[in-house]
Structure formats: C-alpha cells, structure tokens
Amino acid sequence: MSAKVVKVISCVALGVALLGVSIAQRVPSGDGAEPEAEEAAVVVAPTRVLAADDFTNLAPAAPDIPVYDRYTLAERRAAGLPTALPEITPYREGKVAYLTFDDGPDAQNTPAVLDILQAAGIHATFYVTGRQAEAHPEVLKRIYDEGHAIGNHSYDHRYAKLYPDINGFLAEMEKTDAIIQSIIGVRPLILRAPGGIIGHFTPAYAPALRANGYVEHDWNVSSADAAPNHPVAQDFIDNIMSETEGAATAHTAIILMHSSEGHEETVKALPEIIRILQAKGYTFGVITPMTPQPW
C-alpha cells in the first residue's frame, strides 16, 4: 500500500516573497510507485518578512504581514549594501484598517492592548520609543512574537532633538533602531514622526528619509486619546466612528491611538472600536513600507 508524507516548509527568511513559499514533498513507497491518492498540502503563511539585502522582495502582496530588516543602517553602510528602498507600489486592495499605537511599550496598557488584539485575532502596529523599549524589553518581544508590526518613534519623543534639524532626527531614529535590534534581532523600516510631519518637517526631511530607507506614515483617523481635555473611552469610539465615514477612508484607515502610561481609556475603548470597524467592513492590517499613505 502506498504511503505519503507531506512536508511543509514555511519560508520566512531573507529573500522570501511577501506571502512566503510552502513546499509540499511527496514521498513514494519503497517500490518507487507514485501514491494512489494525494492529500492537499498544508500552507503555512509567514508571520513576518525580512528584507533582502537589496530590498527586492518588498511587494504589495498582503496587508497583515510585518516587514523588518536584519541590518541596521550602519551595518548596511559597512557592508556596502543599499540603504535606500526601491520604488514600491502601495497595497490598495480591499478595505483595510490599520490600528496604530504610539509611545509604548509600557508595563500595563500595552500588554492590555495585546490581550485584546489576541482575543480578537487581529494585528496592529506599535510605534515605540527607544527609551520605552529599553525599559520594557519583554513587552517589545511580546509585540514581535505575536505578529504585530513595530515602528520607530524616536528615542524619547523630544521635539527639540528632532525638529527642525534633519541630522538630529536621523540620529534619533538610528539610535532607536539599534535598541530595537538588540532586543528582537531586527530593525523596522517604518517610522512615525512624533507629532506628525505637518508643521515639523522641512523640505530636507523627505529626501533624507528616502536615502536612508525609512517610510513614514502619519494617520487619517485620530481617536484623539492624547487630547488635553482628558477625554474618555466613548469620545474615542465616537471619533473613530465619525472619521471612518466617507471617501477619505473608503480603502485605507490609519488610526492613531496610544498604548503608553495614562491611556487606560484607550484600552477600555478598543474592543468597541474593533467591533465598529468590523461592522463597517474593514479587515485589519499592519503598517509596512507597502502601506498606502493616509492622504
């Protein structure tokens, strides 16, 4: 009687295409005969993608798989590898909501957010600061291990070191890259400028970010959970409900929230925010270099 073993190899490694490759191998019986029946091969999707040395494996194939680089910029320069990303076509299929959380990780609210996301079976993006990553490396590891995307949000969010000097901005990002890599073994290609780019970036910033392979994403939906008037969970829910109406968010909703200390109301609001977005027909993605810009 014929016997068969299906072997599946999940190709989550350098140079693998964004959706990964799974290989099904049939093993014939001892007499060399082909199996009489064949079961469907099991396909294991990658949990993350590592950029190739030349970045050529970055393509818009799925919105929910994080992308990282195993090299820091200093390591790329030392090895003579490119630092600038090639031209990338944005991912524009379907209706995708990108939940993003700034300023963490912390010891309380970020783990609570992760618990909610895990229960819902969805992934999000965490723009972390180097200072907080140093303080809570175990939470950063959890974010990474559970398949969420990690983005660079500077070392300590101090505008005086970031604006208006592009060299200071890049130094902050490289410092934070090195901290992130020391904890999880890879560094992000994505970043978010503290406070957003409007009113902060001069014309020198965009070409410098391109030359160094960074992709910056602001947001087109704000929970307003950092407003100075101490809003509460229902305010965030109402904001996201109203700001995801209309053509501007018909395909891409990049939603700004925070998961750092003092944002307990964001944690309270999150399950209902997820429910509302699902009811509106959104699926959930993570920010990558292929994510469309919010405007």
C-alpha atoms as a PDB file:
ATOM      1  CA  MET A   1       0.000   0.000   0.000  1.00  0.00           C
ATOM      2  CA  SER A   2       1.288   3.439  -0.870  1.00  0.00           C
ATOM      3  CA  ALA A   3       2.318   5.838   1.869  1.00  0.00           C
ATOM      4  CA  LYS A   4       2.813   9.563   1.686  1.00  0.00           C
ATOM      5  CA  VAL A   5       4.285  12.245   3.855  1.00  0.00           C
ATOM      6  CA  VAL A   6       3.540  15.852   3.179  1.00  0.00           C
ATOM      7  CA  LYS A   7       6.284  18.130   4.258  1.00  0.00           C
ATOM      8  CA  VAL A   8       5.662  21.828   4.525  1.00  0.00           C
ATOM      9  CA  ILE A   9       8.416  24.320   4.853  1.00  0.00           C
ATOM     10  CA  SER A  10       7.406  27.849   5.765  1.00  0.00           C
ATOM     11  CA  CYS A  11       9.816  30.188   4.060  1.00  0.00           C
ATOM     12  CA  VAL A  12      10.033  33.113   6.427  1.00  0.00           C
ATOM     13  CA  ALA A  13      13.597  34.128   5.654  1.00  0.00           C
ATOM     14  CA  LEU A  14      15.775  36.602   3.822  1.00  0.00           C
ATOM     15  CA  GLY A  15      14.774  36.955   0.195  1.00  0.00           C
ATOM     16  CA  VAL A  16      11.372  35.260   0.554  1.00  0.00           C
ATOM     17  CA  ALA A  17       8.445  36.850  -1.283  1.00  0.00           C
ATOM     18  CA  LEU A  18       5.911  38.586   0.886  1.00  0.00           C
ATOM     19  CA  LEU A  19       3.405  35.774   1.099  1.00  0.00           C
ATOM     20  CA  GLY A  20       6.145  33.174   1.580  1.00  0.00           C
ATOM     21  CA  VAL A  21       6.563  29.871  -0.173  1.00  0.00           C
ATOM     22  CA  SER A  22       5.444  26.474   1.104  1.00  0.00           C
ATOM     23  CA  ILE A  23       6.828  23.288  -0.379  1.00  0.00           C
ATOM     24  CA  ALA A  24       4.859  20.050  -0.415  1.00  0.00           C
ATOM     25  CA  GLN A  25       7.015  16.973  -0.995  1.00  0.00           C
ATOM     26  CA  ARG A  26       5.543  13.571  -1.856  1.00  0.00           C
ATOM     27  CA  VAL A  27       7.463  10.529  -0.681  1.00  0.00           C
ATOM     28  CA  PRO A  28       6.763   7.385  -2.768  1.00  0.00           C
ATOM     29  CA  SER A  29       6.538   3.879  -1.369  1.00  0.00           C
ATOM     30  CA  GLY A  30       9.565   1.678  -1.198  1.00  0.00           C
ATOM     31  CA  ASP A  31       8.935   0.208  -4.652  1.00  0.00           C
ATOM     32  CA  GLY A  32       9.111   3.647  -6.252  1.00  0.00           C
ATOM     33  CA  ALA A  33       5.432   3.694  -7.217  1.00  0.00           C
ATOM     34  CA  GLU A  34       3.557   7.001  -7.178  1.00  0.00           C
ATOM     35  CA  PRO A  35       0.995   7.358  -4.379  1.00  0.00           C
ATOM     36  CA  GLU A  36      -2.528   6.468  -5.448  1.00  0.00           C
ATOM     37  CA  ALA A  37      -4.063   9.492  -3.703  1.00  0.00           C
ATOM     38  CA  GLU A  38      -2.724  12.827  -2.689  1.00  0.00           C
ATOM     39  CA  GLU A  39      -3.800  14.948   0.244  1.00  0.00           C
ATOM     40  CA  ALA A  40      -3.839  18.730  -0.034  1.00  0.00           C
ATOM     41  CA  ALA A  41      -0.586  20.267   1.115  1.00  0.00           C
ATOM     42  CA  VAL A  42      -0.770  22.451   4.182  1.00  0.00           C
ATOM     43  CA  VAL A  43       0.286  26.024   3.502  1.00  0.00           C
ATOM     44  CA  VAL A  44       1.909  27.877   6.382  1.00  0.00           C
ATOM     45  CA  ALA A  45       1.912  31.652   5.926  1.00  0.00           C
ATOM     46  CA  PRO A  46       4.860  33.604   7.273  1.00  0.00           C
ATOM     47  CA  THR A  47       4.453  35.687  10.385  1.00  0.00           C
ATOM     48  CA  ARG A  48       6.923  38.305   9.155  1.00  0.00           C
ATOM     49  CA  VAL A  49       9.202  39.107   6.232  1.00  0.00           C
ATOM     50  CA  LEU A  50      12.860  40.025   6.378  1.00  0.00           C
ATOM     51  CA  ALA A  51      14.018  42.380   3.663  1.00  0.00           C
ATOM     52  CA  ALA A  52      16.506  41.008   1.157  1.00  0.00           C
ATOM     53  CA  ASP A  53      19.964  42.558   1.032  1.00  0.00           C
ATOM     54  CA  ASP A  54      18.863  44.632  -1.967  1.00  0.00           C
ATOM     55  CA  PHE A  55      15.240  45.093  -0.794  1.00  0.00           C
ATOM     56  CA  THR A  56      13.911  43.441  -3.967  1.00  0.00           C
ATOM     57  CA  ASN A  57      11.471  41.157  -2.118  1.00  0.00           C
ATOM     58  CA  LEU A  58       9.232  44.013  -0.997  1.00  0.00           C
ATOM     59  CA  ALA A  59       5.996  43.822  -2.970  1.00  0.00           C
ATOM     60  CA  PRO A  60       2.350  44.599  -2.163  1.00  0.00           C
ATOM     61  CA  ALA A  61       1.034  41.082  -1.611  1.00  0.00           C
ATOM     62  CA  ALA A  62      -0.733  41.221   1.786  1.00  0.00           C
ATOM     63  CA  PRO A  63      -1.552  43.946   4.288  1.00  0.00           C
ATOM     64  CA  ASP A  64      -1.115  41.992   7.513  1.00  0.00           C
ATOM     65  CA  ILE A  65       2.482  40.706   7.487  1.00  0.00           C
ATOM     66  CA  PRO A  66       5.138  42.871   9.208  1.00  0.00           C
ATOM     67  CA  VAL A  67       8.359  43.670   7.379  1.00  0.00           C
ATOM     68  CA  TYR A  68      11.752  44.131   9.032  1.00  0.00           C
ATOM     69  CA  ASP A  69      15.422  44.445   8.153  1.00  0.00           C
ATOM     70  CA  ARG A  70      18.065  42.324   9.832  1.00  0.00           C
ATOM     71  CA  TYR A  71      20.669  45.056   9.293  1.00  0.00           C
ATOM     72  CA  THR A  72      20.906  48.457  10.902  1.00  0.00           C
ATOM     73  CA  LEU A  73      21.785  51.344   8.597  1.00  0.00           C
ATOM     74  CA  ALA A  74      25.328  51.341   9.994  1.00  0.00           C
ATOM     75  CA  GLU A  75      25.671  47.655   9.156  1.00  0.00           C
ATOM     76  CA  ARG A  76      24.341  48.235   5.640  1.00  0.00           C
ATOM     77  CA  ARG A  77      26.817  51.021   5.047  1.00  0.00           C
ATOM     78  CA  ALA A  78      29.712  48.947   6.392  1.00  0.00           C
ATOM     79  CA  ALA A  79      28.778  46.016   4.134  1.00  0.00           C
ATOM     80  CA  GLY A  80      28.270  48.197   1.050  1.00  0.00           C
ATOM     81  CA  LEU A  81      24.566  47.312   0.902  1.00  0.00           C
ATOM     82  CA  PRO A  82      21.925  49.759  -0.308  1.00  0.00           C
ATOM     83  CA  THR A  83      20.176  51.903   2.278  1.00  0.00           C
ATOM     84  CA  ALA A  84      17.504  53.409   0.017  1.00  0.00           C
ATOM     85  CA  LEU A  85      14.387  51.397  -0.758  1.00  0.00           C
ATOM     86  CA  PRO A  86      13.432  50.858  -4.410  1.00  0.00           C
ATOM     87  CA  GLU A  87      10.221  52.349  -5.749  1.00  0.00           C
ATOM     88  CA  ILE A  88       7.376  50.437  -4.107  1.00  0.00           C
ATOM     89  CA  THR A  89       3.796  50.127  -5.307  1.00  0.00           C
ATOM     90  CA  PRO A  90       1.400  50.577  -2.372  1.00  0.00           C
ATOM     91  CA  TYR A  91      -1.027  47.850  -1.344  1.00  0.00           C
ATOM     92  CA  ARG A  92      -4.526  49.051  -2.287  1.00  0.00           C
ATOM     93  CA  GLU A  93      -6.806  46.017  -2.245  1.00  0.00           C
ATOM     94  CA  GLY A  94      -9.914  45.799  -0.110  1.00  0.00           C
ATOM     95  CA  LYS A  95     -10.899  47.980   2.822  1.00  0.00           C
ATOM     96  CA  VAL A  96      -8.191  47.908   5.476  1.00  0.00           C
ATOM     97  CA  ALA A  97      -7.991  49.487   8.920  1.00  0.00           C
ATOM     98  CA  TYR A  98      -4.553  49.913  10.465  1.00  0.00           C
ATOM     99  CA  LEU A  99      -4.706  50.201  14.254  1.00  0.00           C
ATOM    100  CA  THR A 100      -1.588  52.055  15.381  1.00  0.00           C
ATOM    101  CA  PHE A 101      -0.424  52.679  18.953  1.00  0.00           C
ATOM    102  CA  ASP A 102       2.234  55.281  19.741  1.00  0.00           C
ATOM    103  CA  ASP A 103       4.632  55.966  22.631  1.00  0.00           C
ATOM    104  CA  GLY A 104       4.894  52.494  24.207  1.00  0.00           C
ATOM    105  CA  PRO A 105       5.665  49.943  25.264  1.00  0.00           C
ATOM    106  CA  ASP A 106       4.739  50.259  28.913  1.00  0.00           C
ATOM    107  CA  ALA A 107       4.134  47.691  31.637  1.00  0.00           C
ATOM    108  CA  GLN A 108       0.340  47.989  31.870  1.00  0.00           C
ATOM    109  CA  ASN A 109      -1.536  49.405  28.890  1.00  0.00           C
ATOM    110  CA  THR A 110       0.487  47.845  26.078  1.00  0.00           C
ATOM    111  CA  PRO A 111       0.050  44.306  27.483  1.00  0.00           C
ATOM    112  CA  ALA A 112      -3.677  45.028  27.946  1.00  0.00           C
ATOM    113  CA  VAL A 113      -3.933  46.129  24.310  1.00  0.00           C
ATOM    114  CA  LEU A 114      -2.087  42.996  23.239  1.00  0.00           C
ATOM    115  CA  ASP A 115      -4.529  40.832  25.189  1.00  0.00           C
ATOM    116  CA  ILE A 116      -7.484  42.452  23.401  1.00  0.00           C
ATOM    117  CA  LEU A 117      -5.872  42.079  19.983  1.00  0.00           C
ATOM    118  CA  GLN A 118      -5.031  38.452  20.687  1.00  0.00           C
ATOM    119  CA  ALA A 119      -8.615  37.698  21.735  1.00  0.00           C
ATOM    120  CA  ALA A 120      -9.891  39.373  18.548  1.00  0.00           C
ATOM    121  CA  GLY A 121      -7.376  37.547  16.346  1.00  0.00           C
ATOM    122  CA  ILE A 122      -6.056  40.714  14.708  1.00  0.00           C
ATOM    123  CA  HIS A 123      -2.732  42.515  14.421  1.00  0.00           C
ATOM    124  CA  ALA A 124      -1.744  46.134  14.894  1.00  0.00           C
ATOM    125  CA  THR A 125       1.276  48.430  14.649  1.00  0.00           C
ATOM    126  CA  PHE A 126       3.195  49.756  17.640  1.00  0.00           C
ATOM    127  CA  TYR A 127       5.358  52.838  17.125  1.00  0.00           C
ATOM    128  CA  VAL A 128       7.760  52.548  20.039  1.00  0.00           C
ATOM    129  CA  THR A 129      10.310  54.885  21.552  1.00  0.00           C
ATOM    130  CA  GLY A 130      13.804  53.694  22.307  1.00  0.00           C
ATOM    131  CA  ARG A 131      13.556  54.774  25.925  1.00  0.00           C
ATOM    132  CA  GLN A 132      10.404  52.731  26.496  1.00  0.00           C
ATOM    133  CA  ALA A 133      11.807  49.737  24.615  1.00  0.00           C
ATOM    134  CA  GLU A 134      14.859  49.769  26.902  1.00  0.00           C
ATOM    135  CA  ALA A 135      12.595  49.970  29.949  1.00  0.00           C
ATOM    136  CA  HIS A 136      10.236  47.174  28.843  1.00  0.00           C
ATOM    137  CA  PRO A 137      12.108  44.801  26.511  1.00  0.00           C
ATOM    138  CA  GLU A 138       9.877  41.869  27.435  1.00  0.00           C
ATOM    139  CA  VAL A 139       6.807  43.738  26.166  1.00  0.00           C
ATOM    140  CA  LEU A 140       8.590  44.640  22.924  1.00  0.00           C
ATOM    141  CA  LYS A 141       9.443  40.964  22.467  1.00  0.00           C
ATOM    142  CA  ARG A 142       5.817  40.041  23.002  1.00  0.00           C
ATOM    143  CA  ILE A 143       4.681  42.545  20.361  1.00  0.00           C
ATOM    144  CA  TYR A 144       7.130  40.996  17.902  1.00  0.00           C
ATOM    145  CA  ASP A 145       6.424  37.358  18.821  1.00  0.00           C
ATOM    146  CA  GLU A 146       2.660  37.808  18.464  1.00  0.00           C
ATOM    147  CA  GLY A 147       2.974  39.029  14.876  1.00  0.00           C
ATOM    148  CA  HIS A 148       2.383  42.759  15.251  1.00  0.00           C
ATOM    149  CA  ALA A 149       4.417  45.383  13.423  1.00  0.00           C
ATOM    150  CA  ILE A 150       6.930  47.561  15.243  1.00  0.00           C
ATOM    151  CA  GLY A 151       7.782  51.064  14.053  1.00  0.00           C
ATOM    152  CA  ASN A 152      10.371  53.620  15.146  1.00  0.00           C
ATOM    153  CA  HIS A 153       9.021  56.627  17.072  1.00  0.00           C
ATOM    154  CA  SER A 154      12.363  58.242  18.079  1.00  0.00           C
ATOM    155  CA  TYR A 155      14.284  57.697  21.292  1.00  0.00           C
ATOM    156  CA  ASP A 156      12.350  59.863  23.724  1.00  0.00           C
ATOM    157  CA  HIS A 157       9.875  61.956  21.691  1.00  0.00           C
ATOM    158  CA  ARG A 158      11.664  65.256  22.354  1.00  0.00           C
ATOM    159  CA  TYR A 159      10.861  67.714  19.611  1.00  0.00           C
ATOM    160  CA  ALA A 160      13.958  69.831  20.334  1.00  0.00           C
ATOM    161  CA  LYS A 161      16.171  66.950  19.182  1.00  0.00           C
ATOM    162  CA  LEU A 162      14.039  66.077  16.149  1.00  0.00           C
ATOM    163  CA  TYR A 163      12.993  69.394  14.604  1.00  0.00           C
ATOM    164  CA  PRO A 164      13.988  71.260  12.553  1.00  0.00           C
ATOM    165  CA  ASP A 165      17.397  69.548  12.143  1.00  0.00           C
ATOM    166  CA  ILE A 166      17.243  66.502   9.862  1.00  0.00           C
ATOM    167  CA  ASN A 167      20.581  65.241  11.166  1.00  0.00           C
ATOM    168  CA  GLY A 168      19.233  65.219  14.699  1.00  0.00           C
ATOM    169  CA  PHE A 169      16.103  63.421  13.517  1.00  0.00           C
ATOM    170  CA  LEU A 170      18.094  60.707  11.743  1.00  0.00           C
ATOM    171  CA  ALA A 171      20.425  60.269  14.715  1.00  0.00           C
ATOM    172  CA  GLU A 172      17.409  59.673  16.965  1.00  0.00           C
ATOM    173  CA  MET A 173      15.999  57.096  14.551  1.00  0.00           C
ATOM    174  CA  GLU A 174      19.284  55.217  14.177  1.00  0.00           C
ATOM    175  CA  LYS A 175      19.752  55.158  17.948  1.00  0.00           C
ATOM    176  CA  THR A 176      16.286  53.655  18.373  1.00  0.00           C
ATOM    177  CA  ASP A 177      16.840  51.169  15.524  1.00  0.00           C
ATOM    178  CA  ALA A 178      19.890  49.826  17.349  1.00  0.00           C
ATOM    179  CA  ILE A 179      17.937  49.429  20.591  1.00  0.00           C
ATOM    180  CA  ILE A 180      15.082  47.607  18.851  1.00  0.00           C
ATOM    181  CA  GLN A 181      17.508  45.320  17.009  1.00  0.00           C
ATOM    182  CA  SER A 182      19.328  44.488  20.244  1.00  0.00           C
ATOM    183  CA  ILE A 183      16.048  43.245  21.738  1.00  0.00           C
ATOM    184  CA  ILE A 184      14.305  41.427  18.857  1.00  0.00           C
ATOM    185  CA  GLY A 185      17.146  40.883  16.370  1.00  0.00           C
ATOM    186  CA  VAL A 186      15.752  43.045  13.559  1.00  0.00           C
ATOM    187  CA  ARG A 187      15.001  46.724  12.995  1.00  0.00           C
ATOM    188  CA  PRO A 188      11.940  48.398  11.464  1.00  0.00           C
ATOM    189  CA  LEU A 189      11.807  50.131   8.100  1.00  0.00           C
ATOM    190  CA  ILE A 190       8.770  52.144   9.149  1.00  0.00           C
ATOM    191  CA  LEU A 191       8.666  55.179  11.409  1.00  0.00           C
ATOM    192  CA  ARG A 192       6.253  57.793  12.633  1.00  0.00           C
ATOM    193  CA  ALA A 193       7.449  61.314  13.303  1.00  0.00           C
ATOM    194  CA  PRO A 194       6.423  62.399  16.813  1.00  0.00           C
ATOM    195  CA  GLY A 195       3.582  64.861  16.384  1.00  0.00           C
ATOM    196  CA  GLY A 196       3.316  64.036  12.677  1.00  0.00           C
ATOM    197  CA  ILE A 197       5.119  65.671   9.792  1.00  0.00           C
ATOM    198  CA  ILE A 198       2.831  68.688   9.336  1.00  0.00           C
ATOM    199  CA  GLY A 199       4.434  71.714  10.906  1.00  0.00           C
ATOM    200  CA  HIS A 200       7.587  69.758  11.719  1.00  0.00           C
ATOM    201  CA  PHE A 201       9.257  68.560   8.518  1.00  0.00           C
ATOM    202  CA  THR A 202      11.208  70.980   6.360  1.00  0.00           C
ATOM    203  CA  PRO A 203      11.880  70.184   2.661  1.00  0.00           C
ATOM    204  CA  ALA A 204      15.111  68.443   3.722  1.00  0.00           C
ATOM    205  CA  TYR A 205      13.343  65.601   5.523  1.00  0.00           C
ATOM    206  CA  ALA A 206      11.647  63.642   2.714  1.00  0.00           C
ATOM    207  CA  PRO A 207      14.767  63.041   0.562  1.00  0.00           C
ATOM    208  CA  ALA A 208      16.849  62.190   3.633  1.00  0.00           C
ATOM    209  CA  LEU A 209      14.305  59.597   4.763  1.00  0.00           C
ATOM    210  CA  ARG A 210      14.219  58.072   1.260  1.00  0.00           C
ATOM    211  CA  ALA A 211      18.012  57.873   1.123  1.00  0.00           C
ATOM    212  CA  ASN A 212      18.044  56.009   4.427  1.00  0.00           C
ATOM    213  CA  GLY A 213      15.236  53.579   3.607  1.00  0.00           C
ATOM    214  CA  TYR A 214      12.665  54.888   6.062  1.00  0.00           C
ATOM    215  CA  VAL A 215       8.963  55.074   5.236  1.00  0.00           C
ATOM    216  CA  GLU A 216       6.960  57.484   7.394  1.00  0.00           C
ATOM    217  CA  HIS A 217       3.202  57.180   7.939  1.00  0.00           C
ATOM    218  CA  ASP A 218       1.025  59.715   9.690  1.00  0.00           C
ATOM    219  CA  TRP A 219      -2.705  58.972  10.140  1.00  0.00           C
ATOM    220  CA  ASN A 220      -6.062  59.907   8.656  1.00  0.00           C
ATOM    221  CA  VAL A 221      -8.194  58.877  11.651  1.00  0.00           C
ATOM    222  CA  SER A 222      -7.489  60.102  15.172  1.00  0.00           C
ATOM    223  CA  SER A 223      -9.006  58.723  18.335  1.00  0.00           C
ATOM    224  CA  ALA A 224      -7.921  61.997  19.998  1.00  0.00           C
ATOM    225  CA  ASP A 225      -6.866  59.950  23.023  1.00  0.00           C
ATOM    226  CA  ALA A 226      -3.996  62.368  23.649  1.00  0.00           C
ATOM    227  CA  ALA A 227      -6.199  65.458  23.758  1.00  0.00           C
ATOM    228  CA  PRO A 228      -5.513  67.760  26.722  1.00  0.00           C
ATOM    229  CA  ASN A 229      -9.101  67.813  27.994  1.00  0.00           C
ATOM    230  CA  HIS A 230      -8.939  64.261  29.361  1.00  0.00           C
ATOM    231  CA  PRO A 231     -11.416  62.571  27.003  1.00  0.00           C
ATOM    232  CA  VAL A 232     -12.873  59.196  27.889  1.00  0.00           C
ATOM    233  CA  ALA A 233     -13.396  55.931  26.045  1.00  0.00           C
ATOM    234  CA  GLN A 234     -16.735  56.888  24.489  1.00  0.00           C
ATOM    235  CA  ASP A 235     -15.124  60.001  22.979  1.00  0.00           C
ATOM    236  CA  PHE A 236     -12.571  57.834  21.183  1.00  0.00           C
ATOM    237  CA  ILE A 237     -15.265  55.475  19.951  1.00  0.00           C
ATOM    238  CA  ASP A 238     -17.334  58.379  18.631  1.00  0.00           C
ATOM    239  CA  ASN A 239     -14.315  59.959  16.935  1.00  0.00           C
ATOM    240  CA  ILE A 240     -13.369  56.788  15.109  1.00  0.00           C
ATOM    241  CA  MET A 241     -16.976  56.089  14.162  1.00  0.00           C
ATOM    242  CA  SER A 242     -17.320  59.526  12.526  1.00  0.00           C
ATOM    243  CA  GLU A 243     -13.857  59.728  10.960  1.00  0.00           C
ATOM    244  CA  THR A 244     -14.244  56.417   9.136  1.00  0.00           C
ATOM    245  CA  GLU A 245     -17.197  57.724   7.147  1.00  0.00           C
ATOM    246  CA  GLY A 246     -16.705  58.991   3.609  1.00  0.00           C
ATOM    247  CA  ALA A 247     -14.334  58.577   0.690  1.00  0.00           C
ATOM    248  CA  ALA A 248     -11.131  59.527   2.549  1.00  0.00           C
ATOM    249  CA  THR A 249     -11.157  56.249   4.483  1.00  0.00           C
ATOM    250  CA  ALA A 250     -13.001  54.066   1.973  1.00  0.00           C
ATOM    251  CA  HIS A 251      -9.938  51.886   1.396  1.00  0.00           C
ATOM    252  CA  THR A 252      -7.328  52.853   3.980  1.00  0.00           C
ATOM    253  CA  ALA A 253      -7.935  53.973   7.571  1.00  0.00           C
ATOM    254  CA  ILE A 254      -4.740  54.561   9.549  1.00  0.00           C
ATOM    255  CA  ILE A 255      -5.948  55.077  13.096  1.00  0.00           C
ATOM    256  CA  LEU A 256      -3.912  56.929  15.718  1.00  0.00           C
ATOM    257  CA  MET A 257      -4.070  55.716  19.322  1.00  0.00           C
ATOM    258  CA  HIS A 258      -1.644  55.413  22.228  1.00  0.00           C
ATOM    259  CA  SER A 259      -0.718  52.493  24.469  1.00  0.00           C
ATOM    260  CA  SER A 260       1.572  54.189  26.970  1.00  0.00           C
ATOM    261  CA  GLU A 261       1.058  55.109  30.599  1.00  0.00           C
ATOM    262  CA  GLY A 262      -2.058  57.166  31.202  1.00  0.00           C
ATOM    263  CA  HIS A 263      -4.062  55.681  28.327  1.00  0.00           C
ATOM    264  CA  GLU A 264      -6.314  53.334  30.255  1.00  0.00           C
ATOM    265  CA  GLU A 265      -9.361  54.827  28.496  1.00  0.00           C
ATOM    266  CA  THR A 266      -7.902  53.717  25.152  1.00  0.00           C
ATOM    267  CA  VAL A 267      -7.775  50.163  26.470  1.00  0.00           C
ATOM    268  CA  LYS A 268     -11.433  50.445  27.532  1.00  0.00           C
ATOM    269  CA  ALA A 269     -12.462  51.734  24.107  1.00  0.00           C
ATOM    270  CA  LEU A 270     -10.529  49.239  21.991  1.00  0.00           C
ATOM    271  CA  PRO A 271     -12.970  46.278  21.913  1.00  0.00           C
ATOM    272  CA  GLU A 272     -15.807  48.522  20.728  1.00  0.00           C
ATOM    273  CA  ILE A 273     -13.535  50.241  18.197  1.00  0.00           C
ATOM    274  CA  ILE A 274     -12.662  46.844  16.731  1.00  0.00           C
ATOM    275  CA  ARG A 275     -16.339  45.858  16.620  1.00  0.00           C
ATOM    276  CA  ILE A 276     -17.321  49.080  14.837  1.00  0.00           C
ATOM    277  CA  LEU A 277     -14.593  48.710  12.219  1.00  0.00           C
ATOM    278  CA  GLN A 278     -15.545  45.108  11.541  1.00  0.00           C
ATOM    279  CA  ALA A 279     -19.195  46.129  11.178  1.00  0.00           C
ATOM    280  CA  LYS A 280     -18.123  48.723   8.616  1.00  0.00           C
ATOM    281  CA  GLY A 281     -16.457  46.019   6.538  1.00  0.00           C
ATOM    282  CA  TYR A 282     -12.829  46.650   7.388  1.00  0.00           C
ATOM    283  CA  THR A 283     -10.203  43.964   7.651  1.00  0.00           C
ATOM    284  CA  PHE A 284      -7.082  44.704   9.709  1.00  0.00           C
ATOM    285  CA  GLY A 285      -3.529  45.237   8.544  1.00  0.00           C
ATOM    286  CA  VAL A 286      -0.162  46.310   9.886  1.00  0.00           C
ATOM    287  CA  ILE A 287       1.936  49.191   8.600  1.00  0.00           C
ATOM    288  CA  THR A 288       4.729  48.176   6.198  1.00  0.00           C
ATOM    289  CA  PRO A 289       6.677  50.046   3.521  1.00  0.00           C
ATOM    290  CA  MET A 290       3.880  48.948   1.147  1.00  0.00           C
ATOM    291  CA  THR A 291       1.047  50.525   3.161  1.00  0.00           C
ATOM    292  CA  PRO A 292      -0.577  53.452   1.305  1.00  0.00           C
ATOM    293  CA  GLN A 293      -0.084  56.906   2.718  1.00  0.00           C
ATOM    294  CA  PRO A 294      -3.106  58.185   4.683  1.00  0.00           C
ATOM    295  CA  TRP A 295      -3.641  61.193   2.396  1.00  0.00           C
END
